[in-house]
């Protein structure tokens, strides 16, 4: 049987972007990621140079994630760039990512997060956990109605990022799947 999927967002869970900007959290390192200059509709550059994006990452998170027993998959606006900038700092191999295409950052009229539908489609019935800082009850309702496997939507506070208790929650979810497999 396949391992459950773990959909990982970067900003919030791995990069506690909402932490006090003047104090990097203990155990975290800082990387600076160049940002592409925005362009106006006619293609003119809005800025000639933007400051690099400050990202805080805890290198220990990679080791913890690899031990969870999930198949890891990026579920972030970073998409493929995550393997270039984030994975090496965390000591993670190149991971698959969900390609969000034309739904990227597009608000839905029903209030469901724009990632939710693509994640359910990607999982295709496989059990999954989704670690993010933006899910709501509407997303849980959508997953319950449209996903034919177990689904855990785990909210992480973007002020603190992933904590030991979050890893315990994920281990508990994975164990619950193992016990339901052996009892069926």
Protein backbone atom coordinates (compact mmCIF):
# COMPACT_ATOMS: atom_id res chain seq x y z
CA UNK A 1 0.00 0.00 0.00
CA UNK A 2 1.24 3.51 -0.80
CA UNK A 3 2.25 5.83 1.99
CA UNK A 4 -0.10 8.75 2.64
CA UNK A 5 0.75 12.07 1.05
CA UNK A 6 1.93 15.04 3.07
CA UNK A 7 1.20 18.29 1.26
CA UNK A 8 3.61 20.95 2.55
CA UNK A 9 3.17 24.68 2.32
CA UNK A 10 6.31 26.78 2.77
CA UNK A 11 5.24 30.22 4.01
CA UNK A 12 3.71 29.75 7.43
CA UNK A 13 4.62 26.17 8.35
CA UNK A 14 8.28 26.09 7.27
CA UNK A 15 8.92 29.84 7.02
CA UNK A 16 7.26 31.54 10.02
CA UNK A 17 6.89 34.76 8.07
CA UNK A 18 4.55 36.34 10.64
CA UNK A 19 7.08 36.07 13.49
CA UNK A 20 8.46 39.32 14.84
CA UNK A 21 10.50 40.64 11.91
CA UNK A 22 13.38 41.78 14.08
CA UNK A 23 13.87 38.41 15.81
CA UNK A 24 14.66 35.26 13.88
CA UNK A 25 13.22 32.24 15.76
CA UNK A 26 15.70 29.99 17.59
CA UNK A 27 17.06 27.17 15.44
CA UNK A 28 16.24 28.93 12.17
CA UNK A 29 18.58 30.16 9.47
CA UNK A 30 17.96 33.01 7.05
CA UNK A 31 18.09 32.71 3.29
CA UNK A 32 17.53 35.50 0.79
CA UNK A 33 15.62 34.57 -2.33
CA UNK A 34 15.71 36.93 -5.32
CA UNK A 35 12.27 38.11 -6.40
CA UNK A 36 11.29 38.58 -10.01
CA UNK A 37 10.42 42.16 -10.82
CA UNK A 38 6.69 42.69 -11.33
CA UNK A 39 5.54 43.68 -14.78
CA UNK A 40 2.71 45.92 -15.85
CA UNK A 41 0.06 44.68 -18.30
CA UNK A 42 1.94 46.22 -21.20
CA UNK A 43 5.09 44.41 -20.11
CA UNK A 44 6.83 47.43 -18.62
CA UNK A 45 8.74 46.71 -15.43
CA UNK A 46 7.16 48.23 -12.32
CA UNK A 47 10.49 48.16 -10.55
CA UNK A 48 13.96 47.66 -11.81
CA UNK A 49 15.03 45.86 -8.66
CA UNK A 50 13.21 44.33 -5.71
CA UNK A 51 14.74 43.42 -2.39
CA UNK A 52 15.29 39.69 -1.96
CA UNK A 53 12.65 37.82 -0.01
CA UNK A 54 13.78 36.95 3.53
CA UNK A 55 12.94 33.34 4.40
CA UNK A 56 13.52 31.71 7.78
CA UNK A 57 13.98 27.93 7.76
CA UNK A 58 14.78 25.40 10.45
CA UNK A 59 17.20 22.83 8.94
CA UNK A 60 16.03 20.22 11.50
CA UNK A 61 12.55 20.17 9.93
CA UNK A 62 13.77 18.16 6.95
CA UNK A 63 14.99 15.31 9.12
CA UNK A 64 11.71 15.26 11.06
CA UNK A 65 9.63 15.32 7.88
CA UNK A 66 11.54 12.41 6.36
CA UNK A 67 10.87 10.28 9.44
CA UNK A 68 7.09 10.73 9.39
CA UNK A 69 6.32 7.91 6.96
CA UNK A 70 4.57 10.12 4.41
CA UNK A 71 5.30 10.72 0.75
CA UNK A 72 6.23 14.40 0.82
CA UNK A 73 4.85 16.79 -1.81
CA UNK A 74 5.14 20.56 -2.05
CA UNK A 75 1.80 22.43 -1.99
CA UNK A 76 2.93 26.03 -2.22
CA UNK A 77 2.98 29.03 -4.50
CA UNK A 78 6.72 28.35 -4.78
CA UNK A 79 5.86 25.19 -6.78
CA UNK A 80 9.05 23.89 -8.49
CA UNK A 81 11.22 26.67 -7.04
CA UNK A 82 10.83 24.97 -3.67
CA UNK A 83 13.27 22.29 -4.78
CA UNK A 84 15.82 24.96 -5.68
CA UNK A 85 15.59 27.20 -2.62
CA UNK A 86 13.92 25.37 0.28
CA UNK A 87 14.68 21.64 -0.04
CA UNK A 88 18.51 22.00 0.08
CA UNK A 89 18.39 24.05 3.30
CA UNK A 90 16.14 21.42 4.92
CA UNK A 91 18.21 18.50 3.63
CA UNK A 92 15.29 17.20 1.56
CA UNK A 93 15.60 15.50 -1.82
CA UNK A 94 13.85 16.94 -4.83
CA UNK A 95 10.15 16.43 -4.19
CA UNK A 96 7.11 16.43 -6.46
CA UNK A 97 4.94 19.53 -6.29
CA UNK A 98 1.35 20.34 -7.07
CA UNK A 99 1.13 22.52 -10.16
CA UNK A 100 -1.67 25.01 -9.52
CA UNK A 101 -1.82 26.43 -13.05
CA UNK A 102 -4.53 29.01 -13.61
CA UNK A 103 -6.06 28.60 -10.12
CA UNK A 104 -2.88 29.94 -8.46
CA UNK A 105 -3.98 32.65 -5.98
CA UNK A 106 -7.47 32.82 -7.53
CA UNK A 107 -10.15 33.33 -4.88
CA UNK A 108 -13.18 31.07 -5.17
CA UNK A 109 -16.71 32.45 -4.75
CA UNK A 110 -17.59 29.65 -2.28
CA UNK A 111 -14.78 30.64 0.11
CA UNK A 112 -12.88 27.37 -0.31
CA UNK A 113 -9.13 27.96 -0.52
CA UNK A 114 -7.80 27.91 -4.09
CA UNK A 115 -5.38 25.05 -3.20
CA UNK A 116 -8.06 22.69 -1.88
CA UNK A 117 -9.54 21.41 -5.17
CA UNK A 118 -6.15 20.78 -6.81
CA UNK A 119 -4.89 18.95 -3.70
CA UNK A 120 -7.93 16.68 -3.64
CA UNK A 121 -7.47 16.02 -7.36
CA UNK A 122 -3.75 15.30 -6.91
CA UNK A 123 -4.41 12.89 -4.03
CA UNK A 124 -6.94 11.01 -6.18
CA UNK A 125 -8.39 9.12 -3.21
CA UNK A 126 -5.09 8.53 -1.38
CA UNK A 127 -4.97 9.48 2.29
CA UNK A 128 -3.28 12.82 2.83
CA UNK A 129 -2.38 15.44 5.39
CA UNK A 130 -2.14 19.07 4.35
CA UNK A 131 0.05 21.38 6.45
CA UNK A 132 -0.73 25.04 5.82
CA UNK A 133 -1.62 28.28 7.58
CA UNK A 134 -4.64 29.19 5.46
CA UNK A 135 -7.23 26.38 5.66
CA UNK A 136 -10.71 26.88 7.08
CA UNK A 137 -13.78 24.83 7.95
CA UNK A 138 -14.94 25.37 4.35
CA UNK A 139 -11.86 23.49 3.14
CA UNK A 140 -12.50 20.60 5.55
CA UNK A 141 -16.10 20.42 4.35
CA UNK A 142 -14.93 20.38 0.72
CA UNK A 143 -12.39 17.61 1.42
CA UNK A 144 -15.00 15.54 3.28
CA UNK A 145 -17.43 15.87 0.37
CA UNK A 146 -15.00 15.38 -2.54
CA UNK A 147 -12.19 13.15 -1.27
CA UNK A 148 -12.74 9.41 -0.91
CA UNK A 149 -9.85 8.81 1.48
CA UNK A 150 -8.74 10.11 4.85
CA UNK A 151 -7.72 13.75 4.87
CA UNK A 152 -6.17 15.79 7.66
CA UNK A 153 -6.04 19.56 7.25
CA UNK A 154 -3.51 20.70 9.82
CA UNK A 155 -3.27 24.42 10.50
CA UNK A 156 0.11 25.84 11.54
CA UNK A 157 0.43 29.26 13.12
CA UNK A 158 2.57 31.42 10.76
CA UNK A 159 4.02 33.26 13.76
CA UNK A 160 5.72 30.11 15.07
CA UNK A 161 5.92 27.61 12.18
CA UNK A 162 6.05 23.86 12.64
CA UNK A 163 6.50 22.73 16.23
CA UNK A 164 7.04 19.39 17.92
CA UNK A 165 3.29 19.12 18.60
CA UNK A 166 2.60 19.45 14.86
CA UNK A 167 4.90 16.51 14.12
CA UNK A 168 3.12 14.48 16.82
CA UNK A 169 -0.23 15.25 15.18
CA UNK A 170 1.07 14.04 11.82
CA UNK A 171 2.51 10.84 13.34
CA UNK A 172 -0.84 10.21 15.04
CA UNK A 173 -2.69 10.62 11.75
CA UNK A 174 -0.33 8.22 9.96
CA UNK A 175 -0.71 5.67 12.78
CA UNK A 176 -4.49 5.94 12.60
CA UNK A 177 -4.27 5.02 8.92
CA UNK A 178 -2.05 2.01 9.73
CA UNK A 179 -4.45 0.77 12.40
CA UNK A 180 -7.47 1.18 10.13
CA UNK A 181 -5.68 -0.84 7.43
CA UNK A 182 -4.88 -3.71 9.81
CA UNK A 183 -8.40 -3.78 11.23
CA UNK A 184 -10.12 -3.92 7.83
